[in-house]
């Protein structure tokens, strides 16, 4: 079985388009290909409790949880809004571009 290909990559600026964090923006810090999810910096943060230790003196810490890839959209910097992405070949290389504005990523 092949791993799925995603149009969103690490380091992309995205916006959450549905769910409890709808409208929040952030940078993709990790793509979980096998699960079909992404981790977005400072979005979908939860507090976890654990026994106090040297590394967690208060016994609690904040953790970023994954969001399904279909619930985020890449932000087009020319219009500063979420947009759909397409692929096209230029000079033998496959590049990503915004479908509405035509701007290369």
C-alpha atoms as a PDB file:
ATOM      1  CA  UNK A   1       0.000   0.000   0.000  1.00  0.00           C
ATOM      2  CA  UNK A   2       1.361   3.414  -0.937  1.00  0.00           C
ATOM      3  CA  UNK A   3       1.382   6.353   1.416  1.00  0.00           C
ATOM      4  CA  UNK A   4      -0.985   9.178   0.460  1.00  0.00           C
ATOM      5  CA  UNK A   5       0.349  12.390  -1.097  1.00  0.00           C
ATOM      6  CA  UNK A   6      -0.692  15.668   0.498  1.00  0.00           C
ATOM      7  CA  UNK A   7      -0.695  19.147  -0.967  1.00  0.00           C
ATOM      8  CA  UNK A   8       0.180  20.641   2.425  1.00  0.00           C
ATOM      9  CA  UNK A   9       3.822  20.408   3.491  1.00  0.00           C
ATOM     10  CA  UNK A  10       5.846  21.199   6.620  1.00  0.00           C
ATOM     11  CA  UNK A  11       6.394  24.953   7.014  1.00  0.00           C
ATOM     12  CA  UNK A  12       3.233  26.000   5.139  1.00  0.00           C
ATOM     13  CA  UNK A  13       0.989  28.720   6.571  1.00  0.00           C
ATOM     14  CA  UNK A  14      -2.511  27.230   7.046  1.00  0.00           C
ATOM     15  CA  UNK A  15      -5.903  28.159   8.451  1.00  0.00           C
ATOM     16  CA  UNK A  16      -8.308  25.787  10.188  1.00  0.00           C
ATOM     17  CA  UNK A  17     -11.551  25.791   8.185  1.00  0.00           C
ATOM     18  CA  UNK A  18     -13.781  23.661  10.432  1.00  0.00           C
ATOM     19  CA  UNK A  19     -13.984  22.433  14.024  1.00  0.00           C
ATOM     20  CA  UNK A  20     -13.489  24.083  17.397  1.00  0.00           C
ATOM     21  CA  UNK A  21     -10.387  25.972  16.196  1.00  0.00           C
ATOM     22  CA  UNK A  22     -12.079  27.342  13.050  1.00  0.00           C
ATOM     23  CA  UNK A  23     -10.418  30.519  11.775  1.00  0.00           C
ATOM     24  CA  UNK A  24      -7.134  30.075  13.660  1.00  0.00           C
ATOM     25  CA  UNK A  25      -3.907  30.268  11.679  1.00  0.00           C
ATOM     26  CA  UNK A  26      -0.518  28.721  12.164  1.00  0.00           C
ATOM     27  CA  UNK A  27       2.472  27.039  10.583  1.00  0.00           C
ATOM     28  CA  UNK A  28       2.531  23.291   9.938  1.00  0.00           C
ATOM     29  CA  UNK A  29       5.204  21.809  12.198  1.00  0.00           C
ATOM     30  CA  UNK A  30       4.682  18.147  11.289  1.00  0.00           C
ATOM     31  CA  UNK A  31       2.763  16.062   8.736  1.00  0.00           C
ATOM     32  CA  UNK A  32       1.564  12.637   9.904  1.00  0.00           C
ATOM     33  CA  UNK A  33       1.154  10.897   6.542  1.00  0.00           C
ATOM     34  CA  UNK A  34       0.003   7.501   7.795  1.00  0.00           C
ATOM     35  CA  UNK A  35      -2.775   9.077   9.889  1.00  0.00           C
ATOM     36  CA  UNK A  36      -3.715  11.800   7.369  1.00  0.00           C
ATOM     37  CA  UNK A  37      -3.200  14.559   9.921  1.00  0.00           C
ATOM     38  CA  UNK A  38      -1.045  17.639  10.510  1.00  0.00           C
ATOM     39  CA  UNK A  39       0.224  19.357  13.643  1.00  0.00           C
ATOM     40  CA  UNK A  40      -0.130  23.140  13.478  1.00  0.00           C
ATOM     41  CA  UNK A  41       1.954  25.339  15.781  1.00  0.00           C
ATOM     42  CA  UNK A  42      -0.118  27.000  18.569  1.00  0.00           C
ATOM     43  CA  UNK A  43      -3.411  25.503  17.315  1.00  0.00           C
ATOM     44  CA  UNK A  44      -5.448  22.712  18.962  1.00  0.00           C
ATOM     45  CA  UNK A  45      -3.414  22.901  22.183  1.00  0.00           C
ATOM     46  CA  UNK A  46      -4.538  20.729  25.113  1.00  0.00           C
ATOM     47  CA  UNK A  47      -3.310  20.494  28.714  1.00  0.00           C
ATOM     48  CA  UNK A  48      -2.119  17.129  29.945  1.00  0.00           C
ATOM     49  CA  UNK A  49      -1.559  16.146  33.572  1.00  0.00           C
ATOM     50  CA  UNK A  50       1.085  13.756  34.810  1.00  0.00           C
ATOM     51  CA  UNK A  51       2.989  12.988  37.953  1.00  0.00           C
ATOM     52  CA  UNK A  52       5.386  15.765  38.908  1.00  0.00           C
ATOM     53  CA  UNK A  53       8.963  15.211  37.842  1.00  0.00           C
ATOM     54  CA  UNK A  54      12.131  17.111  37.108  1.00  0.00           C
ATOM     55  CA  UNK A  55      10.978  17.789  33.535  1.00  0.00           C
ATOM     56  CA  UNK A  56       7.410  18.756  34.520  1.00  0.00           C
ATOM     57  CA  UNK A  57       7.626  20.379  37.973  1.00  0.00           C
ATOM     58  CA  UNK A  58       3.957  21.494  37.985  1.00  0.00           C
ATOM     59  CA  UNK A  59       2.766  18.103  36.777  1.00  0.00           C
ATOM     60  CA  UNK A  60       0.995  19.552  33.741  1.00  0.00           C
ATOM     61  CA  UNK A  61       2.100  20.530  30.275  1.00  0.00           C
ATOM     62  CA  UNK A  62       0.574  21.785  27.040  1.00  0.00           C
ATOM     63  CA  UNK A  63       0.658  19.682  23.901  1.00  0.00           C
ATOM     64  CA  UNK A  64      -0.340  20.357  20.282  1.00  0.00           C
ATOM     65  CA  UNK A  65      -2.734  17.725  18.978  1.00  0.00           C
ATOM     66  CA  UNK A  66      -3.079  16.692  15.324  1.00  0.00           C
ATOM     67  CA  UNK A  67      -5.816  18.035  13.024  1.00  0.00           C
ATOM     68  CA  UNK A  68      -7.154  16.094  10.044  1.00  0.00           C
ATOM     69  CA  UNK A  69      -5.682  17.329   6.756  1.00  0.00           C
ATOM     70  CA  UNK A  70      -9.146  17.999   5.307  1.00  0.00           C
ATOM     71  CA  UNK A  71      -9.856  20.529   8.072  1.00  0.00           C
ATOM     72  CA  UNK A  72      -7.014  22.897   7.120  1.00  0.00           C
ATOM     73  CA  UNK A  73      -6.408  25.002   4.023  1.00  0.00           C
ATOM     74  CA  UNK A  74      -3.268  26.709   2.761  1.00  0.00           C
ATOM     75  CA  UNK A  75      -3.321  30.532   2.921  1.00  0.00           C
ATOM     76  CA  UNK A  76      -2.791  32.430  -0.344  1.00  0.00           C
ATOM     77  CA  UNK A  77      -0.546  35.417   0.589  1.00  0.00           C
ATOM     78  CA  UNK A  78      -1.752  37.532  -2.356  1.00  0.00           C
ATOM     79  CA  UNK A  79      -5.333  37.676  -1.004  1.00  0.00           C
ATOM     80  CA  UNK A  80      -4.610  36.564   2.613  1.00  0.00           C
ATOM     81  CA  UNK A  81      -7.370  33.929   2.481  1.00  0.00           C
ATOM     82  CA  UNK A  82      -7.502  30.117   2.388  1.00  0.00           C
ATOM     83  CA  UNK A  83      -7.318  28.750  -1.166  1.00  0.00           C
ATOM     84  CA  UNK A  84      -7.277  25.497  -3.099  1.00  0.00           C
ATOM     85  CA  UNK A  85      -4.013  24.119  -4.431  1.00  0.00           C
ATOM     86  CA  UNK A  86      -3.159  22.471  -7.732  1.00  0.00           C
ATOM     87  CA  UNK A  87      -0.126  20.941  -9.402  1.00  0.00           C
ATOM     88  CA  UNK A  88       1.396  21.676 -12.795  1.00  0.00           C
ATOM     89  CA  UNK A  89       4.614  20.825 -14.609  1.00  0.00           C
ATOM     90  CA  UNK A  90       7.091  23.597 -15.340  1.00  0.00           C
ATOM     91  CA  UNK A  91      10.441  22.776 -16.922  1.00  0.00           C
ATOM     92  CA  UNK A  92      10.004  19.119 -16.001  1.00  0.00           C
ATOM     93  CA  UNK A  93       9.350  19.870 -12.297  1.00  0.00           C
ATOM     94  CA  UNK A  94       6.051  19.469 -10.495  1.00  0.00           C
ATOM     95  CA  UNK A  95       5.131  22.683  -8.669  1.00  0.00           C
ATOM     96  CA  UNK A  96       2.251  23.712  -6.421  1.00  0.00           C
ATOM     97  CA  UNK A  97       0.150  26.770  -7.240  1.00  0.00           C
ATOM     98  CA  UNK A  98      -3.009  28.473  -6.013  1.00  0.00           C
ATOM     99  CA  UNK A  99      -5.879  27.679  -8.384  1.00  0.00           C
ATOM    100  CA  UNK A 100      -7.694  31.012  -8.030  1.00  0.00           C
ATOM    101  CA  UNK A 101      -4.788  33.465  -8.247  1.00  0.00           C
ATOM    102  CA  UNK A 102      -2.286  31.275 -10.148  1.00  0.00           C
ATOM    103  CA  UNK A 103       0.546  32.227  -7.759  1.00  0.00           C
ATOM    104  CA  UNK A 104       3.308  29.619  -7.343  1.00  0.00           C
ATOM    105  CA  UNK A 105       4.059  28.303  -3.880  1.00  0.00           C
END
